[in-house]
Amino acid sequence: MRIYQLLIGLIIFCACNQSKQKPAKEAENKTSKPNIVIIYLDDLGYGDLSAYGATELKTPNIDALANGGIKFTNGYATSATCTPSRYGMLTGMYPWRNKNAKILPGTAPLLIDTTQQTLPKLLKNNGYQTAIVGKWHLGLGTGVVDWNQHISPGPNEVGFDESYIMAATQDRVPTVYINNGNVVGLDKNDPIEVNYFENFNGEPTAISNPEMLTMKWHHGHNSSIVNGIPRIGFMKGGKAAKWSDVDMADHFLGKAQDYVKTHKDKPFFLYYALQQPHVPRTPHPRFVGKSGMGPRGDVILEADWIVGEFMKTLKEQGILENTLVIFSSDNGAVLNDGYYDDAVEKIGNHKQNGDLRGGKYSIFEAGPRVPFITYWKGKIIPQVSDAIVCQMDLLASIAKLIGSEESTTDSENILEAFLGNSKKGRDQLIIEATGKTALRSGDWLYIPAYDGKNFREEVGIEVGNFPFEQLYNLTKDKSQQNNLANSNPEKRNEMKKLFIQLRGEDYNIGVKEVEFK
């Protein structure tokens, strides 16, 4: 009897011990792969954050990421404009390889081929939940979209399980939110029509009805009026579905927070693409006047608050220590990008691009070089890194992080630089701006000769067009004031040879003057 009792006790003990071990093993599996979040701002310049030297604006929440993670001083988007940069980041491919990778209208077809590799596809195939919240601007459908029906292909066809987006930009029609391919709040009795070439009969525009405007246009933005703001492109109908501009930041924040709360039990990838500080700058009344620099300064403060609220959500949900956060911008800053909104008049001592030359649209450094931060509480040791890193390299690097591999794209595995374990990033990088390309290699930047105007009055920016070659040592001359192409012909020829080797002889074919609209 005694032996029988001992055997029963041993069986019960083993069963209890196994039941205790099983949840621990499940927890281990659940946390073996980190959540990955990309927070992507729109037109945020290298000098727009106090962590990057701004003295007239204080951005404590984004600074907390920079001070608690890695602040990269040589972080690049693939391009100096929005659509190409987003394409490069999500596909791991240089945008200049795709002739259609340029600033797209709201009616453009999907730019990413549904068969090509993407970051969300990689993660989805490795057990991740995937989502995008915010700005898309990579085209939708096949070129002829009926906005009153399910819209496909789009984000959901290139790797995102869930998508809650705006089609293009805040200043372009259609001015509606799209949830998994369906316009939100659409009244079928008031169908949406969109046209980028001609207006619809009787519909007011900034030209025909200036008395309806609450924001004055400067260049390009003179078509349909929505919420008193003139837009690019013409739109009719869809009144119930039109967004509220001043509530957009809060709206997208709520969607991002809800996603985290409802998907925290399994590894997830969230691409959170904010609209600030792209035009039209429409801060919520809580932030109006807070910066003293007009709406542009106000929406940067709003974006900083948004980032803080989102990070609080990660902490409150108990997943901050298991989440890699990547923060960056799609290109450099521009003040006047189509509206009179006091961005130029109230800039004061603020240097939106820091000490870099140029700005958005420019092949100079202020075009593609942007704030770039990686943050992972408890895993990344806070530091400043001069490693050359590019958003395009997130694909191969994240593949390595999750135990996979990616070698079919232009993306390079520089995971150790992203995690702060190495000061070495890329050796060479081709940067792009409105069709023009240049080479960053080590300390040096080589820019070929290009036709066209250098200074563009519409936006007040040097875009880098000169009829002669340019060569800069960026370590010694960050502001690109000393062109060494003639005084150092040996280095110039070395860089040119490498540039053509990487880029090809046809680098200047089809390059056109950018049209600001």
Protein backbone atom coordinates (compact mmCIF):
# COMPACT_ATOMS: atom_id res chain seq x y z
CA MET A 1 0.00 0.00 0.00
CA ARG A 2 2.87 2.31 0.93
CA ILE A 3 4.64 1.69 -2.40
CA TYR A 4 1.35 2.32 -4.25
CA GLN A 5 0.93 5.69 -2.49
CA LEU A 6 4.52 6.65 -3.31
CA LEU A 7 3.96 5.83 -6.99
CA ILE A 8 0.74 7.88 -7.10
CA GLY A 9 2.55 10.78 -5.43
CA LEU A 10 5.43 10.59 -7.91
CA ILE A 11 3.02 10.63 -10.87
CA ILE A 12 1.17 13.65 -9.46
CA PHE A 13 4.47 15.46 -8.78
CA CYS A 14 5.71 14.88 -12.34
CA ALA A 15 2.39 15.98 -13.81
CA CYS A 16 2.38 19.18 -11.72
CA ASN A 17 5.99 19.86 -12.61
CA GLN A 18 5.24 19.46 -16.32
CA SER A 19 2.20 21.75 -16.04
CA LYS A 20 4.38 24.39 -14.44
CA GLN A 21 7.06 24.05 -17.10
CA LYS A 22 4.70 24.20 -20.07
CA PRO A 23 3.56 27.83 -19.65
CA ALA A 24 7.18 28.86 -19.13
CA LYS A 25 8.15 27.19 -22.39
CA GLU A 26 5.21 28.81 -24.17
CA ALA A 27 6.21 32.19 -22.76
CA GLU A 28 9.76 31.61 -23.97
CA ASN A 29 8.51 30.85 -27.48
CA LYS A 30 6.21 33.87 -27.44
CA THR A 31 9.03 36.27 -26.57
CA SER A 32 11.77 34.67 -28.67
CA LYS A 33 11.03 37.06 -31.51
CA PRO A 34 10.70 40.76 -30.68
CA ASN A 35 7.90 42.99 -31.83
CA ILE A 36 9.13 45.43 -34.45
CA VAL A 37 7.76 48.96 -34.83
CA ILE A 38 8.81 51.52 -37.43
CA ILE A 39 7.72 55.08 -36.58
CA TYR A 40 8.10 57.08 -39.77
CA LEU A 41 7.65 60.84 -39.98
CA ASP A 42 6.99 62.82 -43.15
CA ASP A 43 9.43 65.63 -44.11
CA LEU A 44 11.11 65.79 -40.69
CA GLY A 45 14.52 67.39 -41.16
CA TYR A 46 17.89 66.45 -39.69
CA GLY A 47 17.79 69.50 -37.41
CA ASP A 48 14.12 69.41 -36.36
CA LEU A 49 14.68 67.48 -33.12
CA SER A 50 16.34 68.75 -29.96
CA ALA A 51 18.23 65.44 -29.81
CA TYR A 52 19.79 66.42 -33.14
CA GLY A 53 20.68 69.94 -32.09
CA ALA A 54 17.46 71.95 -32.36
CA THR A 55 17.38 74.77 -29.81
CA GLU A 56 14.10 76.46 -30.74
CA LEU A 57 11.98 73.28 -30.54
CA LYS A 58 11.92 70.79 -27.67
CA THR A 59 11.02 67.20 -28.53
CA PRO A 60 11.41 65.31 -25.23
CA ASN A 61 9.62 62.12 -26.22
CA ILE A 62 11.60 61.51 -29.40
CA ASP A 63 14.73 62.63 -27.53
CA ALA A 64 14.02 59.85 -25.01
CA LEU A 65 14.31 57.33 -27.86
CA ALA A 66 17.57 58.91 -29.06
CA ASN A 67 19.05 59.14 -25.57
CA GLY A 68 17.90 55.65 -24.62
CA GLY A 69 18.92 54.02 -27.90
CA ILE A 70 21.23 54.71 -30.82
CA LYS A 71 21.25 58.12 -32.45
CA PHE A 72 22.71 57.70 -35.92
CA THR A 73 24.46 60.74 -37.38
CA ASN A 74 24.78 59.15 -40.84
CA GLY A 75 21.29 57.71 -41.22
CA TYR A 76 19.73 57.80 -44.70
CA ALA A 77 16.45 57.35 -46.45
CA THR A 78 17.01 55.95 -49.93
CA SER A 79 15.69 59.16 -51.46
CA ALA A 80 15.03 62.86 -50.88
CA THR A 81 11.30 62.44 -51.56
CA CYS A 82 8.48 60.42 -50.04
CA THR A 83 7.33 57.67 -52.41
CA PRO A 84 10.83 56.46 -53.39
CA SER A 85 11.97 56.38 -49.76
CA ARG A 86 8.97 54.32 -48.67
CA TYR A 87 9.47 51.99 -51.59
CA GLY A 88 13.13 51.49 -50.71
CA MET A 89 12.44 50.83 -47.06
CA LEU A 90 9.65 48.29 -47.59
CA THR A 91 11.22 46.43 -50.54
CA GLY A 92 14.92 46.65 -49.77
CA MET A 93 15.46 47.85 -53.33
CA TYR A 94 17.01 51.04 -54.63
CA PRO A 95 14.08 53.13 -55.92
CA TRP A 96 16.01 54.20 -59.02
CA ARG A 97 15.72 50.61 -60.24
CA ASN A 98 11.98 51.21 -60.64
CA LYS A 99 11.26 53.96 -63.19
CA ASN A 100 7.85 54.55 -61.62
CA ALA A 101 9.23 55.19 -58.14
CA LYS A 102 8.60 58.93 -58.03
CA ILE A 103 6.17 61.19 -56.17
CA LEU A 104 2.83 59.60 -56.99
CA PRO A 105 -0.63 61.11 -57.41
CA GLY A 106 -3.47 59.69 -55.36
CA THR A 107 -4.72 57.71 -58.36
CA ALA A 108 -1.44 55.90 -59.14
CA PRO A 109 -1.45 52.09 -59.41
CA LEU A 110 0.33 50.01 -56.77
CA LEU A 111 4.06 50.63 -57.14
CA ILE A 112 5.23 47.46 -55.39
CA ASP A 113 4.86 44.31 -57.46
CA THR A 114 2.81 41.80 -55.49
CA THR A 115 5.38 39.10 -56.29
CA GLN A 116 8.42 40.92 -54.94
CA GLN A 117 9.95 40.59 -51.50
CA THR A 118 8.91 43.09 -48.85
CA LEU A 119 9.63 43.62 -45.18
CA PRO A 120 6.07 42.76 -44.10
CA LYS A 121 6.13 39.62 -46.28
CA LEU A 122 9.40 38.50 -44.71
CA LEU A 123 7.99 38.94 -41.22
CA LYS A 124 4.59 37.43 -42.05
CA ASN A 125 6.31 34.34 -43.44
CA ASN A 126 8.19 34.06 -40.16
CA GLY A 127 5.15 34.05 -37.94
CA TYR A 128 4.58 37.77 -37.43
CA GLN A 129 1.32 39.67 -37.45
CA THR A 130 1.78 42.67 -39.76
CA ALA A 131 0.05 46.04 -40.03
CA ILE A 132 0.37 49.55 -41.39
CA VAL A 133 -1.30 52.60 -39.86
CA GLY A 134 -0.98 56.03 -41.49
CA LYS A 135 0.38 57.34 -44.76
CA TRP A 136 0.80 54.88 -47.65
CA HIS A 137 1.64 56.83 -50.86
CA LEU A 138 2.77 53.77 -52.81
CA GLY A 139 -0.20 53.54 -55.14
CA LEU A 140 -3.39 51.48 -55.03
CA GLY A 141 -5.15 49.21 -57.47
CA THR A 142 -4.21 48.82 -61.10
CA GLY A 143 -4.53 52.44 -62.18
CA VAL A 144 -8.31 52.65 -62.51
CA VAL A 145 -9.76 52.69 -58.99
CA ASP A 146 -13.42 52.68 -58.08
CA TRP A 147 -13.23 54.21 -54.62
CA ASN A 148 -16.75 52.96 -53.87
CA GLN A 149 -15.76 49.30 -54.11
CA HIS A 150 -13.07 47.18 -52.48
CA ILE A 151 -9.68 48.60 -53.54
CA SER A 152 -7.07 46.05 -54.53
CA PRO A 153 -4.17 45.43 -54.78
CA GLY A 154 -2.74 47.51 -51.96
CA PRO A 155 -0.92 47.08 -48.64
CA ASN A 156 -2.77 43.83 -47.89
CA GLU A 157 -1.43 42.28 -51.09
CA VAL A 158 2.24 43.05 -50.34
CA GLY A 159 2.46 41.55 -46.87
CA PHE A 160 0.29 43.54 -44.46
CA ASP A 161 -2.40 41.54 -42.68
CA GLU A 162 -4.10 44.78 -41.69
CA SER A 163 -3.97 48.28 -43.13
CA TYR A 164 -5.53 51.56 -42.08
CA ILE A 165 -4.20 54.27 -44.35
CA MET A 166 -4.56 57.43 -46.35
CA ALA A 167 -4.02 56.71 -50.03
CA ALA A 168 -1.34 59.29 -50.75
CA THR A 169 -0.64 62.49 -48.79
CA GLN A 170 -2.69 64.87 -46.70
CA ASP A 171 -2.60 67.47 -49.48
CA ARG A 172 -3.80 65.08 -52.19
CA VAL A 173 -7.23 63.66 -52.91
CA PRO A 174 -8.92 61.39 -52.05
CA THR A 175 -9.15 62.79 -48.53
CA VAL A 176 -10.52 59.63 -46.92
CA TYR A 177 -9.28 56.79 -44.73
CA ILE A 178 -9.06 53.30 -46.19
CA ASN A 179 -9.41 50.25 -43.94
CA ASN A 180 -8.21 46.98 -45.49
CA GLY A 181 -9.11 48.22 -48.97
CA ASN A 182 -12.45 49.84 -48.12
CA VAL A 183 -13.15 53.56 -47.72
CA VAL A 184 -14.21 54.24 -44.13
CA GLY A 185 -17.66 55.78 -43.59
CA LEU A 186 -18.62 55.83 -47.25
CA ASP A 187 -22.24 56.60 -48.12
CA LYS A 188 -23.04 54.60 -51.25
CA ASN A 189 -25.59 57.26 -52.20
CA ASP A 190 -22.80 59.83 -52.36
CA PRO A 191 -20.12 58.05 -54.41
CA ILE A 192 -16.54 59.29 -54.59
CA GLU A 193 -15.03 60.41 -57.88
CA VAL A 194 -11.37 61.40 -58.26
CA ASN A 195 -9.54 62.94 -61.21
CA TYR A 196 -6.06 64.45 -61.39
CA PHE A 197 -6.51 66.03 -64.82
CA GLU A 198 -9.83 67.87 -64.88
CA ASN A 199 -12.42 69.11 -62.44
CA PHE A 200 -15.98 67.87 -62.14
CA ASN A 201 -18.71 70.22 -63.34
CA GLY A 202 -19.75 72.71 -60.71
CA GLU A 203 -17.27 71.60 -58.08
CA PRO A 204 -15.49 74.52 -56.32
CA THR A 205 -11.73 74.93 -56.52
CA ALA A 206 -9.19 77.29 -55.00
CA ILE A 207 -9.19 79.21 -58.29
CA SER A 208 -12.96 79.53 -58.73
CA ASN A 209 -13.92 79.95 -55.07
CA PRO A 210 -11.09 81.52 -53.07
CA GLU A 211 -13.61 82.81 -50.51
CA MET A 212 -14.03 79.21 -49.27
CA LEU A 213 -10.38 78.85 -48.26
CA THR A 214 -9.08 78.79 -44.69
CA MET A 215 -5.53 78.15 -45.92
CA LYS A 216 -3.92 80.05 -48.80
CA TRP A 217 -2.07 78.10 -51.47
CA HIS A 218 1.38 79.11 -52.71
CA HIS A 219 2.05 76.75 -55.61
CA GLY A 220 0.32 73.69 -57.01
CA HIS A 221 -2.35 73.28 -54.35
CA ASN A 222 -5.24 74.97 -56.09
CA SER A 223 -7.69 72.20 -57.00
CA SER A 224 -10.52 70.78 -54.88
CA ILE A 225 -11.27 72.30 -51.49
CA VAL A 226 -11.75 70.01 -48.48
CA ASN A 227 -12.26 71.46 -44.98
CA GLY A 228 -11.31 74.87 -46.36
CA ILE A 229 -7.93 73.57 -47.56
CA PRO A 230 -7.11 73.50 -51.29
CA ARG A 231 -5.63 70.18 -52.45
CA ILE A 232 -3.79 68.59 -55.33
CA GLY A 233 -6.29 66.82 -57.60
CA PHE A 234 -10.05 66.96 -58.00
CA MET A 235 -12.59 65.08 -55.91
CA LYS A 236 -16.37 64.88 -55.88
CA GLY A 237 -18.70 63.18 -53.42
CA GLY A 238 -17.84 61.11 -50.35
CA LYS A 239 -18.83 63.85 -47.92
CA ALA A 240 -19.46 61.52 -44.98
CA ALA A 241 -16.11 59.77 -45.51
CA LYS A 242 -13.87 62.83 -45.62
CA TRP A 243 -11.38 63.06 -42.81
CA SER A 244 -11.00 65.86 -40.28
CA ASP A 245 -7.52 67.28 -40.78
CA VAL A 246 -7.04 68.59 -37.26
CA ASP A 247 -8.03 65.20 -35.78
CA MET A 248 -5.83 63.11 -38.07
CA ALA A 249 -2.91 62.69 -35.66
CA ASP A 250 -5.21 61.57 -32.84
CA HIS A 251 -7.11 59.32 -35.23
CA PHE A 252 -4.05 57.42 -36.43
CA LEU A 253 -2.64 57.27 -32.88
CA GLY A 254 -5.81 55.58 -31.67
CA LYS A 255 -5.58 53.01 -34.45
CA ALA A 256 -1.91 52.28 -33.66
CA GLN A 257 -2.62 51.95 -29.93
CA ASP A 258 -5.59 49.66 -30.55
CA TYR A 259 -3.46 47.45 -32.75
CA VAL A 260 -0.82 47.06 -30.05
CA LYS A 261 -3.43 46.25 -27.40
CA THR A 262 -5.16 43.61 -29.52
CA HIS A 263 -2.06 41.95 -31.00
CA LYS A 264 0.40 41.98 -28.10
CA ASP A 265 0.17 38.23 -27.39
CA LYS A 266 2.06 37.26 -30.54
CA PRO A 267 5.03 38.91 -32.32
CA PHE A 268 3.88 41.80 -34.49
CA PHE A 269 5.29 44.26 -37.01
CA LEU A 270 3.69 47.71 -37.07
CA TYR A 271 4.62 50.32 -39.65
CA TYR A 272 3.28 53.52 -38.11
CA ALA A 273 3.57 56.29 -40.71
CA LEU A 274 2.71 59.71 -39.28
CA GLN A 275 1.69 62.60 -41.54
CA GLN A 276 3.63 65.35 -39.72
CA PRO A 277 5.21 67.74 -40.61
CA HIS A 278 4.07 67.38 -44.26
CA VAL A 279 1.71 70.02 -45.64
CA PRO A 280 -1.01 70.98 -45.01
CA ARG A 281 0.11 71.45 -41.42
CA THR A 282 -3.04 71.20 -39.37
CA PRO A 283 -2.24 70.84 -35.67
CA HIS A 284 -5.00 69.92 -33.27
CA PRO A 285 -6.20 72.98 -31.29
CA ARG A 286 -4.27 71.60 -28.28
CA PHE A 287 -1.03 72.40 -30.11
CA VAL A 288 -1.89 75.55 -32.05
CA GLY A 289 0.59 78.31 -31.18
CA LYS A 290 2.64 76.11 -28.84
CA SER A 291 5.88 76.34 -30.81
CA GLY A 292 5.85 80.03 -31.67
CA MET A 293 6.96 78.94 -35.16
CA GLY A 294 3.59 78.59 -36.84
CA PRO A 295 1.84 75.36 -37.83
CA ARG A 296 5.03 73.58 -38.90
CA GLY A 297 6.57 73.93 -35.46
CA ASP A 298 3.25 73.08 -33.84
CA VAL A 299 2.82 69.79 -35.71
CA ILE A 300 6.36 68.73 -34.81
CA LEU A 301 5.45 69.22 -31.15
CA GLU A 302 2.25 67.30 -31.83
CA ALA A 303 4.21 64.45 -33.42
CA ASP A 304 6.54 64.35 -30.42
CA TRP A 305 3.54 64.04 -28.11
CA ILE A 306 2.11 61.30 -30.34
CA VAL A 307 5.36 59.33 -30.08
CA GLY A 308 5.30 59.71 -26.30
CA GLU A 309 1.72 58.45 -26.07
CA PHE A 310 2.49 55.49 -28.30
CA MET A 311 5.55 54.54 -26.26
CA LYS A 312 3.43 54.74 -23.10
CA THR A 313 1.11 52.19 -24.67
CA LEU A 314 3.97 49.77 -25.29
CA LYS A 315 4.99 50.15 -21.64
CA GLU A 316 1.47 49.83 -20.24
CA GLN A 317 0.89 46.68 -22.27
CA GLY A 318 4.06 45.14 -20.81
CA ILE A 319 5.88 44.72 -24.12
CA LEU A 320 8.35 47.62 -24.17
CA GLU A 321 11.31 45.37 -23.34
CA ASN A 322 10.40 43.03 -26.17
CA THR A 323 9.92 45.65 -28.87
CA LEU A 324 12.51 47.04 -31.28
CA VAL A 325 11.50 50.59 -32.21
CA ILE A 326 12.97 52.22 -35.33
CA PHE A 327 12.37 55.95 -35.76
CA SER A 328 13.14 57.92 -38.91
CA SER A 329 11.83 60.25 -41.63
CA ASP A 330 11.21 59.76 -45.34
CA ASN A 331 13.35 62.75 -46.38
CA GLY A 332 14.66 66.10 -45.24
CA ALA A 333 12.78 69.26 -44.40
CA VAL A 334 11.05 71.87 -46.50
CA LEU A 335 9.43 75.04 -45.20
CA ASN A 336 7.19 76.30 -48.00
CA ASP A 337 5.86 73.20 -49.76
CA GLY A 338 2.73 74.66 -51.32
CA TYR A 339 0.92 76.78 -48.72
CA TYR A 340 1.39 80.10 -46.99
CA ASP A 341 1.53 78.93 -43.36
CA ASP A 342 4.22 81.15 -41.78
CA ALA A 343 6.82 78.36 -41.87
CA VAL A 344 9.29 80.70 -43.57
CA GLU A 345 8.31 83.87 -41.75
CA LYS A 346 8.46 82.34 -38.26
CA ILE A 347 11.50 80.08 -38.65
CA GLY A 348 13.61 82.39 -36.47
CA ASN A 349 16.86 80.73 -35.40
CA HIS A 350 15.63 77.22 -36.05
CA LYS A 351 17.74 75.23 -38.55
CA GLN A 352 15.35 72.60 -39.85
CA ASN A 353 18.12 70.69 -41.63
CA GLY A 354 20.83 71.40 -39.09
CA ASP A 355 24.15 72.18 -40.74
CA LEU A 356 23.35 70.11 -43.83
CA ARG A 357 23.01 71.69 -47.26
CA GLY A 358 19.84 71.48 -49.34
CA GLY A 359 16.56 70.00 -48.14
CA LYS A 360 13.70 67.90 -49.40
CA TYR A 361 14.06 67.24 -53.19
CA SER A 362 17.84 67.79 -52.95
CA ILE A 363 20.74 65.49 -53.79
CA PHE A 364 22.70 67.46 -51.19
CA GLU A 365 22.85 65.80 -47.78
CA ALA A 366 19.78 67.51 -46.30
CA GLY A 367 17.63 65.63 -48.82
CA PRO A 368 18.26 61.97 -47.90
CA ARG A 369 20.11 62.25 -44.56
CA VAL A 370 17.53 62.18 -41.78
CA PRO A 371 17.06 61.53 -38.07
CA PHE A 372 17.50 57.79 -37.53
CA ILE A 373 17.11 56.10 -34.15
CA THR A 374 16.93 52.50 -32.97
CA TYR A 375 15.59 51.80 -29.48
CA TRP A 376 15.17 48.53 -27.61
CA LYS A 377 14.88 48.89 -23.87
CA GLY A 378 17.31 46.64 -22.06
CA LYS A 379 18.87 45.32 -25.28
CA ILE A 380 20.42 48.37 -26.97
CA ILE A 381 23.07 50.29 -25.04
CA PRO A 382 22.51 54.06 -25.45
CA GLN A 383 25.09 55.62 -27.77
CA VAL A 384 25.76 57.87 -30.75
CA SER A 385 26.87 56.10 -33.92
CA ASP A 386 28.53 57.52 -37.04
CA ALA A 387 27.95 54.28 -38.97
CA ILE A 388 26.43 54.77 -42.42
CA VAL A 389 23.00 53.15 -42.22
CA CYS A 390 20.07 53.18 -44.61
CA GLN A 391 16.38 52.38 -44.26
CA MET A 392 16.72 50.02 -47.20
CA ASP A 393 18.90 47.77 -45.03
CA LEU A 394 16.18 47.09 -42.49
CA LEU A 395 14.95 44.17 -44.62
CA ALA A 396 18.15 42.09 -44.56
CA SER A 397 19.04 43.18 -41.03
CA ILE A 398 15.66 42.29 -39.52
CA ALA A 399 15.80 38.98 -41.39
CA LYS A 400 19.01 38.22 -39.51
CA LEU A 401 17.45 39.35 -36.23
CA ILE A 402 14.60 36.84 -36.48
CA GLY A 403 16.79 33.96 -37.64
CA SER A 404 16.02 34.23 -41.34
CA GLU A 405 18.01 35.45 -44.32
CA GLU A 406 17.47 37.87 -47.18
CA SER A 407 19.90 38.19 -50.06
CA THR A 408 17.66 38.80 -53.09
CA THR A 409 17.50 42.60 -52.81
CA ASP A 410 19.82 45.60 -52.46
CA SER A 411 19.37 45.43 -48.68
CA GLU A 412 22.50 44.67 -46.65
CA ASN A 413 22.67 42.97 -43.29
CA ILE A 414 24.04 45.63 -40.93
CA LEU A 415 22.15 44.33 -37.89
CA GLU A 416 25.13 44.77 -35.58
CA ALA A 417 25.24 48.48 -36.40
CA PHE A 418 21.48 48.81 -35.81
CA LEU A 419 21.87 47.09 -32.43
CA GLY A 420 24.94 49.12 -31.48
CA ASN A 421 27.33 46.18 -31.43
CA SER A 422 29.40 47.57 -34.30
CA LYS A 423 30.35 51.02 -35.54
CA LYS A 424 30.52 49.72 -39.09
CA GLY A 425 27.55 50.15 -41.37
CA ARG A 426 27.46 50.32 -45.16
CA ASP A 427 30.61 50.81 -47.21
CA GLN A 428 28.80 52.43 -50.13
CA LEU A 429 25.34 53.85 -50.68
CA ILE A 430 23.68 55.30 -53.78
CA ILE A 431 21.38 58.16 -52.77
CA GLU A 432 18.64 59.59 -54.97
CA ALA A 433 16.69 62.81 -55.39
CA THR A 434 14.00 63.27 -58.05
CA GLY A 435 15.81 60.97 -60.47
CA LYS A 436 19.35 62.21 -59.78
CA THR A 437 21.75 59.83 -58.03
CA ALA A 438 25.03 60.25 -56.15
CA LEU A 439 27.47 58.07 -54.22
CA ARG A 440 28.26 58.10 -50.51
CA SER A 441 31.37 56.02 -49.78
CA GLY A 442 33.11 56.30 -46.44
CA ASP A 443 33.77 59.97 -45.70
CA TRP A 444 33.14 61.01 -49.29
CA LEU A 445 30.19 62.05 -51.42
CA TYR A 446 30.38 62.22 -55.23
CA ILE A 447 27.69 64.03 -57.27
CA PRO A 448 27.82 63.85 -61.08
CA ALA A 449 27.10 66.86 -63.27
CA TYR A 450 23.40 67.44 -63.89
CA ASP A 451 21.43 69.84 -66.08
CA GLY A 452 18.76 72.12 -64.66
CA LYS A 453 18.41 74.82 -62.05
CA ASN A 454 20.08 74.43 -58.70
CA PHE A 455 18.06 76.83 -56.55
CA ARG A 456 14.31 76.31 -56.78
CA GLU A 457 12.43 79.43 -55.73
CA GLU A 458 9.13 77.61 -55.22
CA VAL A 459 10.47 75.76 -52.20
CA GLY A 460 13.56 77.83 -51.43
CA ILE A 461 15.94 74.87 -51.70
CA GLU A 462 19.13 74.02 -53.58
CA VAL A 463 18.48 70.69 -55.32
CA GLY A 464 22.11 70.08 -56.33
CA ASN A 465 22.04 70.59 -60.11
CA PHE A 466 25.35 71.88 -61.45
CA PRO A 467 27.00 71.43 -64.87
CA PHE A 468 30.14 70.14 -63.13
CA GLU A 469 31.05 67.25 -60.84
CA GLN A 470 31.07 67.67 -57.07
CA LEU A 471 33.17 65.91 -54.43
CA TYR A 472 32.91 66.50 -50.71
CA ASN A 473 34.63 65.10 -47.64
CA LEU A 474 31.62 64.95 -45.33
CA THR A 475 33.64 64.32 -42.19
CA LYS A 476 35.55 67.56 -42.61
CA ASP A 477 32.88 69.46 -44.54
CA LYS A 478 29.43 68.41 -43.32
CA SER A 479 27.82 71.50 -44.88
CA GLN A 480 29.29 70.77 -48.31
CA GLN A 481 30.90 74.16 -48.83
CA ASN A 482 34.21 72.97 -50.33
CA ASN A 483 33.94 71.14 -53.66
CA LEU A 484 37.16 69.11 -54.04
CA ALA A 485 36.42 67.67 -57.50
CA ASN A 486 39.09 69.77 -59.19
CA SER A 487 41.66 69.87 -56.40
CA ASN A 488 41.52 66.12 -55.78
CA PRO A 489 41.06 64.55 -59.24
CA GLU A 490 42.42 61.20 -58.08
CA LYS A 491 39.69 60.77 -55.48
CA ARG A 492 37.08 62.19 -57.87
CA ASN A 493 37.97 59.64 -60.54
CA GLU A 494 38.01 56.83 -57.99
CA MET A 495 34.54 57.78 -56.77
CA LYS A 496 33.18 58.24 -60.28
CA LYS A 497 34.43 54.80 -61.30
CA LEU A 498 32.80 53.22 -58.27
CA PHE A 499 29.59 55.18 -58.83
CA ILE A 500 29.27 53.97 -62.44
CA GLN A 501 30.15 50.43 -61.36
CA LEU A 502 27.29 50.45 -58.86
CA ARG A 503 24.81 52.67 -60.68
CA GLY A 504 25.51 51.99 -64.36
CA GLU A 505 26.44 54.19 -67.31
CA ASP A 506 22.81 55.25 -67.84
CA TYR A 507 22.57 57.21 -64.57
CA ASN A 508 21.68 60.45 -66.39
CA ILE A 509 19.08 59.06 -68.80
CA GLY A 510 15.57 60.27 -68.18
CA VAL A 511 16.45 62.66 -65.36
CA LYS A 512 13.97 65.52 -65.48
CA GLU A 513 13.47 68.76 -63.59
CA VAL A 514 11.23 68.22 -60.61
CA GLU A 515 7.79 69.79 -60.95
CA PHE A 516 6.59 71.32 -57.69
CA LYS A 517 2.88 70.83 -57.29
